[in-house]
C-alpha cells in the first residue's frame, strides 16, 4: 500500500493485500527505515486493491463475497528476482505477476467503483514496496543490498483485508485461495 504520510490515510480506509512473509528477512530492516507504511503496521506485501471499501461497509456479507471471489483462484508461486523503480519508489518485482493481476481484476470486476489506487494508473504494476520518497543514494544502497539476497520465492495462497484505525493498519480477515490442483 502507499505511503501513509503522503497519502493522508484516514480511519476506516481498507485495502486487500497478499502478504509475502518469505521476503521479511530480506526487506524488513529496509522497509522499517524507508517505507512509512511498514512503520504503520503493513507487512511485506503486494497490493491487490487499495483503496477498497470503507470499513463501515465491510460486514459478514461483504467478507463472504470477497471469499467467494478469491476462492475461484488457485494459489501460485511468485519469485522476486529483481528490484524495480517507479518515481520515488524502490520495489521488488514478482515474476510472474499474472496471478496478482488476476486477483486485482477479479476484485475490481466485483467492485468496479474501487479501481486500483483510485484510478491513478492505467496499468497498475504488482510490486512489493521497499522505499518511498527517499534520497537516491539511500535507495541505491538499499537496492544493492537487496540484490545480494534475491531471489525470494513465495507461495501465494491467501489475501488479507487490512483496515486503517486512524494510526495503524490492522488485520481484519484472510481469504484463502484454492490450493493448486484443487477443484473449482
Protein backbone atom coordinates (compact mmCIF):
# COMPACT_ATOMS: atom_id res chain seq x y z
CA UNK A 1 0.00 0.00 0.00
CA UNK A 2 1.07 3.57 -0.41
CA UNK A 3 2.90 5.86 1.96
CA UNK A 4 0.77 6.83 4.98
CA UNK A 5 2.27 10.29 5.30
CA UNK A 6 1.98 11.16 1.62
CA UNK A 7 -1.48 9.66 1.13
CA UNK A 8 -3.10 11.00 4.32
CA UNK A 9 -4.77 7.69 5.22
CA UNK A 10 -7.76 8.01 7.47
CA UNK A 11 -9.58 5.75 9.89
CA UNK A 12 -11.85 3.36 8.05
CA UNK A 13 -9.86 3.03 4.85
CA UNK A 14 -9.20 -0.54 3.81
CA UNK A 15 -7.08 -2.49 1.38
CA UNK A 16 -6.62 -6.05 0.17
CA UNK A 17 -3.05 -7.35 0.15
CA UNK A 18 -1.05 -10.52 -0.36
CA UNK A 19 1.41 -10.88 2.49
CA UNK A 20 4.86 -12.08 1.48
CA UNK A 21 6.39 -13.37 4.73
CA UNK A 22 9.19 -15.09 2.81
CA UNK A 23 10.52 -11.62 1.95
CA UNK A 24 10.53 -10.27 5.51
CA UNK A 25 14.07 -11.42 6.46
CA UNK A 26 15.46 -9.61 3.41
CA UNK A 27 13.30 -6.48 3.36
CA UNK A 28 12.17 -5.75 6.92
CA UNK A 29 15.06 -3.52 8.03
CA UNK A 30 14.92 -1.50 4.80
CA UNK A 31 11.13 -1.19 4.87
CA UNK A 32 11.11 -0.18 8.54
CA UNK A 33 13.57 2.57 7.70
CA UNK A 34 12.39 3.65 4.23
CA UNK A 35 8.68 2.84 3.89
CA UNK A 36 6.31 4.64 6.28
CA UNK A 37 3.59 2.04 5.66
CA UNK A 38 5.82 -0.59 7.30
CA UNK A 39 6.06 1.54 10.43
CA UNK A 40 2.26 1.87 10.33
CA UNK A 41 1.78 -1.91 10.54
CA UNK A 42 1.74 -3.05 6.91
CA UNK A 43 3.81 -6.22 6.38
CA UNK A 44 5.82 -7.00 3.24
CA UNK A 45 3.11 -7.40 0.62
CA UNK A 46 1.81 -6.97 -2.89
CA UNK A 47 -1.32 -4.83 -3.06
CA UNK A 48 -4.39 -6.46 -4.61
CA UNK A 49 -6.67 -3.44 -4.22
CA UNK A 50 -6.29 -0.11 -2.48
CA UNK A 51 -8.34 1.80 -1.65
CA UNK A 52 -11.13 -0.66 -1.03
CA UNK A 53 -14.44 -0.20 0.79
CA UNK A 54 -14.74 1.96 3.89
CA UNK A 55 -14.61 -0.26 6.96
CA UNK A 56 -18.18 0.75 7.88
CA UNK A 57 -19.36 -1.01 4.70
CA UNK A 58 -17.49 -4.26 5.35
CA UNK A 59 -19.80 -6.74 7.04
CA UNK A 60 -20.10 -10.53 7.05
CA UNK A 61 -21.86 -10.47 3.66
CA UNK A 62 -19.06 -8.44 2.04
CA UNK A 63 -16.44 -10.72 3.57
CA UNK A 64 -18.32 -13.74 2.21
CA UNK A 65 -18.34 -12.15 -1.26
CA UNK A 66 -14.61 -11.42 -1.09
CA UNK A 67 -14.03 -15.02 -0.05
CA UNK A 68 -16.12 -16.34 -2.93
CA UNK A 69 -14.27 -14.22 -5.49
CA UNK A 70 -10.83 -15.20 -4.21
CA UNK A 71 -11.65 -18.90 -3.74
CA UNK A 72 -12.05 -19.14 -7.53
CA UNK A 73 -8.30 -18.52 -7.91
CA UNK A 74 -5.61 -21.12 -7.47
CA UNK A 75 -2.67 -20.50 -5.18
CA UNK A 76 0.55 -19.86 -7.05
CA UNK A 77 4.26 -19.36 -6.64
CA UNK A 78 5.88 -15.98 -7.20
CA UNK A 79 9.59 -15.26 -7.48
CA UNK A 80 11.03 -11.90 -6.60
CA UNK A 81 14.28 -11.91 -8.61
CA UNK A 82 14.88 -8.23 -9.26
CA UNK A 83 14.35 -4.72 -8.00
CA UNK A 84 12.43 -2.13 -9.94
CA UNK A 85 11.71 1.56 -9.59
CA UNK A 86 8.85 3.96 -10.08
CA UNK A 87 9.43 7.67 -9.49
CA UNK A 88 10.26 7.88 -5.79
CA UNK A 89 9.71 4.14 -5.16
CA UNK A 90 12.02 1.11 -4.91
CA UNK A 91 10.30 -2.27 -5.09
CA UNK A 92 10.75 -5.98 -5.64
CA UNK A 93 9.11 -7.23 -8.83
CA UNK A 94 7.17 -10.50 -8.69
CA UNK A 95 7.64 -12.87 -11.61
CA UNK A 96 5.33 -13.85 -12.98
CA UNK A 97 2.95 -11.09 -11.96
CA UNK A 98 -0.05 -12.64 -13.73
CA UNK A 99 -1.54 -14.17 -10.59
CA UNK A 100 -1.51 -10.83 -8.78
CA UNK A 101 -3.07 -9.09 -11.77
CA UNK A 102 -5.82 -11.71 -11.93
CA UNK A 103 -6.64 -11.23 -8.23
CA UNK A 104 -6.90 -7.47 -8.72
CA UNK A 105 -9.01 -7.86 -11.86
CA UNK A 106 -11.40 -10.24 -10.09
CA UNK A 107 -11.94 -7.93 -7.11
CA UNK A 108 -12.34 -4.88 -9.37
CA UNK A 109 -14.84 -6.79 -11.54
CA UNK A 110 -16.98 -7.27 -8.43
CA UNK A 111 -16.39 -3.75 -7.02
CA UNK A 112 -15.75 -1.61 -10.14
CA UNK A 113 -16.36 1.60 -8.20
CA UNK A 114 -13.00 0.96 -6.49
CA UNK A 115 -10.28 0.97 -9.17
CA UNK A 116 -6.71 0.21 -8.05
CA UNK A 117 -5.01 3.22 -6.48
CA UNK A 118 -8.12 5.29 -7.12
CA UNK A 119 -7.62 5.01 -10.87
CA UNK A 120 -4.28 6.91 -10.83
CA UNK A 121 -2.58 4.37 -13.10
CA UNK A 122 -3.87 2.90 -16.35
CA UNK A 123 -1.99 -0.37 -15.75
CA UNK A 124 -1.08 -0.84 -12.07
CA UNK A 125 2.08 -2.92 -11.76
CA UNK A 126 2.17 -5.57 -8.99
CA UNK A 127 5.11 -4.86 -6.68
CA UNK A 128 6.45 -5.16 -3.13
CA UNK A 129 7.42 -1.68 -1.97
CA UNK A 130 10.72 -1.25 -0.16
CA UNK A 131 11.30 2.52 -0.13
CA UNK A 132 9.28 5.64 -0.83
CA UNK A 133 10.39 9.26 -1.20
CA UNK A 134 13.98 8.68 -0.15
CA UNK A 135 17.31 10.16 -1.23
CA UNK A 136 18.68 8.50 -4.37
CA UNK A 137 21.90 7.42 -2.61
CA UNK A 138 19.89 5.68 0.11
CA UNK A 139 17.72 3.90 -2.45
CA UNK A 140 20.83 2.83 -4.40
CA UNK A 141 22.32 1.39 -1.19
CA UNK A 142 19.11 -0.48 -0.38
CA UNK A 143 18.88 -1.89 -3.89
CA UNK A 144 22.49 -3.10 -3.87
CA UNK A 145 21.93 -4.82 -0.53
CA UNK A 146 18.64 -6.41 -1.59
CA UNK A 147 20.11 -7.82 -4.80
CA UNK A 148 22.51 -9.95 -2.72
CA UNK A 149 19.55 -11.75 -1.10
CA UNK A 150 17.46 -12.41 -4.18
CA UNK A 151 15.61 -14.38 -5.29
CA UNK A 152 12.80 -14.67 -2.78
CA UNK A 153 10.30 -17.40 -3.60
CA UNK A 154 6.83 -17.10 -2.12
CA UNK A 155 3.77 -19.33 -2.08
CA UNK A 156 0.72 -17.13 -2.62
CA UNK A 157 -2.32 -18.78 -1.04
CA UNK A 158 -4.45 -16.06 0.58
CA UNK A 159 -5.39 -12.39 0.51
CA UNK A 160 -5.68 -10.27 3.67
CA UNK A 161 -8.02 -7.39 4.40
CA UNK A 162 -6.37 -4.54 6.34
CA UNK A 163 -8.19 -1.57 7.86
CA UNK A 164 -6.65 1.71 8.99
CA UNK A 165 -7.70 2.71 12.51
CA UNK A 166 -6.51 6.31 12.20
CA UNK A 167 -2.99 5.48 13.36
CA UNK A 168 -2.06 1.99 12.15
CA UNK A 169 -3.12 -0.64 9.67
CA UNK A 170 -4.79 -3.63 11.35
CA UNK A 171 -5.54 -7.11 10.05
CA UNK A 172 -9.28 -7.75 9.69
CA UNK A 173 -9.64 -11.02 7.75
CA UNK A 174 -7.89 -13.54 5.49
CA UNK A 175 -9.38 -15.13 2.41
CA UNK A 176 -7.86 -18.42 1.20
CA UNK A 177 -7.36 -19.20 -2.42
CA UNK A 178 -7.91 -22.64 -3.91
CA UNK A 179 -4.98 -24.98 -3.50
CA UNK A 180 -3.10 -25.83 -6.65
CA UNK A 181 -4.84 -28.72 -8.31
CA UNK A 182 -7.94 -28.18 -6.13
CA UNK A 183 -11.42 -28.41 -7.55
CA UNK A 184 -13.35 -25.31 -8.53
